[in-house]
Amino acid sequence: MSRASEINTRVDAAVAAIDAADWSTALTKLLGAKALMVSVPESGFDGATLRYNAQAVDQLIADVRASRSGGSGVQHTLLSFAPVLEEDDYA
């Protein structure tokens, strides 16, 4: 598999994970694609076509991080209870 194909496959998997709201997998796949992009030699991809550019992947990473922390999924809420005071309790 060529480097371009590896990158395309990872970004395609990230898009599928985004569709499923699986933010962790999406982020993992995008970061992997970005790491592969960074390691491309100056000679390029030996004739293979890369369907994504680094700026688009950076934006997807930012979007996934925002969605991941945007309140979807498991949330924790702190609740506290206080006794209800009756009118006689104020006297």
Protein backbone atom coordinates (compact mmCIF):
# COMPACT_ATOMS: atom_id res chain seq x y z
CA MET A 1 0.00 0.00 0.00
CA SER A 2 1.41 3.38 -0.95
CA ARG A 3 1.78 6.19 1.55
CA ALA A 4 -1.01 8.14 -0.21
CA SER A 5 -3.32 5.11 0.03
CA GLU A 6 -2.55 4.74 3.74
CA ILE A 7 -3.41 8.39 4.35
CA ASN A 8 -6.59 8.20 2.26
CA THR A 9 -7.68 5.03 4.09
CA ARG A 10 -7.13 6.59 7.52
CA VAL A 11 -9.03 9.77 6.66
CA ASP A 12 -11.86 7.71 5.12
CA ALA A 13 -12.04 5.71 8.38
CA ALA A 14 -12.09 8.97 10.36
CA VAL A 15 -15.01 10.24 8.27
CA ALA A 16 -16.93 7.02 9.00
CA ALA A 17 -16.15 7.42 12.71
CA ILE A 18 -17.35 11.04 12.62
CA ASP A 19 -20.61 9.86 11.04
CA ALA A 20 -20.99 7.45 13.97
CA ALA A 21 -20.06 10.16 16.51
CA ASP A 22 -17.09 8.00 17.55
CA TRP A 23 -14.83 10.93 18.36
CA SER A 24 -12.01 8.90 19.86
CA THR A 25 -11.59 6.71 16.77
CA ALA A 26 -11.95 9.71 14.47
CA LEU A 27 -9.22 11.59 16.30
CA THR A 28 -6.91 8.55 16.33
CA LYS A 29 -7.32 8.02 12.58
CA LEU A 30 -6.84 11.71 11.77
CA LEU A 31 -3.73 12.00 13.91
CA GLY A 32 -2.35 8.89 12.21
CA ALA A 33 -3.04 10.39 8.79
CA LYS A 34 -1.38 13.64 9.85
CA ALA A 35 1.68 11.75 11.08
CA LEU A 36 1.94 9.99 7.71
CA MET A 37 1.61 13.33 5.90
CA VAL A 38 4.41 14.85 7.95
CA SER A 39 6.72 11.99 7.05
CA VAL A 40 6.27 12.27 3.29
CA PRO A 41 9.60 12.73 1.54
CA GLU A 42 10.11 15.75 -0.70
CA SER A 43 9.81 13.46 -3.70
CA GLY A 44 6.08 13.12 -2.97
CA PHE A 45 3.94 10.03 -3.30
CA ASP A 46 5.56 8.28 -6.27
CA GLY A 47 2.66 9.06 -8.61
CA ALA A 48 -0.13 8.14 -6.17
CA THR A 49 -2.90 10.66 -5.59
CA LEU A 50 -3.59 12.05 -2.15
CA ARG A 51 -7.24 13.07 -1.79
CA TYR A 52 -6.76 15.16 1.36
CA ASN A 53 -4.46 18.04 2.23
CA ALA A 54 -2.80 18.80 5.54
CA GLN A 55 -4.90 21.92 6.21
CA ALA A 56 -8.13 19.95 5.75
CA VAL A 57 -6.92 17.26 8.14
CA ASP A 58 -5.91 19.93 10.68
CA GLN A 59 -9.40 21.42 10.48
CA LEU A 60 -11.01 18.01 10.91
CA ILE A 61 -8.84 17.38 13.97
CA ALA A 62 -9.96 20.71 15.47
CA ASP A 63 -13.60 19.96 14.65
CA VAL A 64 -13.43 16.48 16.20
CA ARG A 65 -11.81 17.83 19.35
CA ALA A 66 -14.54 20.48 19.63
CA SER A 67 -17.28 17.91 19.07
CA ARG A 68 -15.70 15.53 21.56
CA SER A 69 -15.79 18.17 24.29
CA GLY A 70 -19.08 19.70 23.18
CA GLY A 71 -21.36 17.96 25.61
CA SER A 72 -22.31 14.82 23.74
CA GLY A 73 -21.74 11.42 25.26
CA VAL A 74 -21.39 10.65 28.94
CA GLN A 75 -21.76 13.64 31.20
CA HIS A 76 -21.26 14.03 34.93
CA THR A 77 -23.43 16.30 37.02
CA LEU A 78 -22.89 17.10 40.66
CA LEU A 79 -26.10 17.13 42.64
CA SER A 80 -26.51 18.16 46.23
CA PHE A 81 -29.56 17.84 48.42
CA ALA A 82 -30.65 20.08 51.25
CA PRO A 83 -33.46 19.45 53.70
CA VAL A 84 -36.71 21.28 53.06
CA LEU A 85 -37.44 23.64 55.91
CA GLU A 86 -40.95 23.96 57.17
CA GLU A 87 -42.40 27.31 58.18
CA ASP A 88 -42.03 26.39 61.87
CA ASP A 89 -38.29 25.84 61.38
CA TYR A 90 -37.72 29.58 60.85
CA ALA A 91 -39.04 30.55 64.28
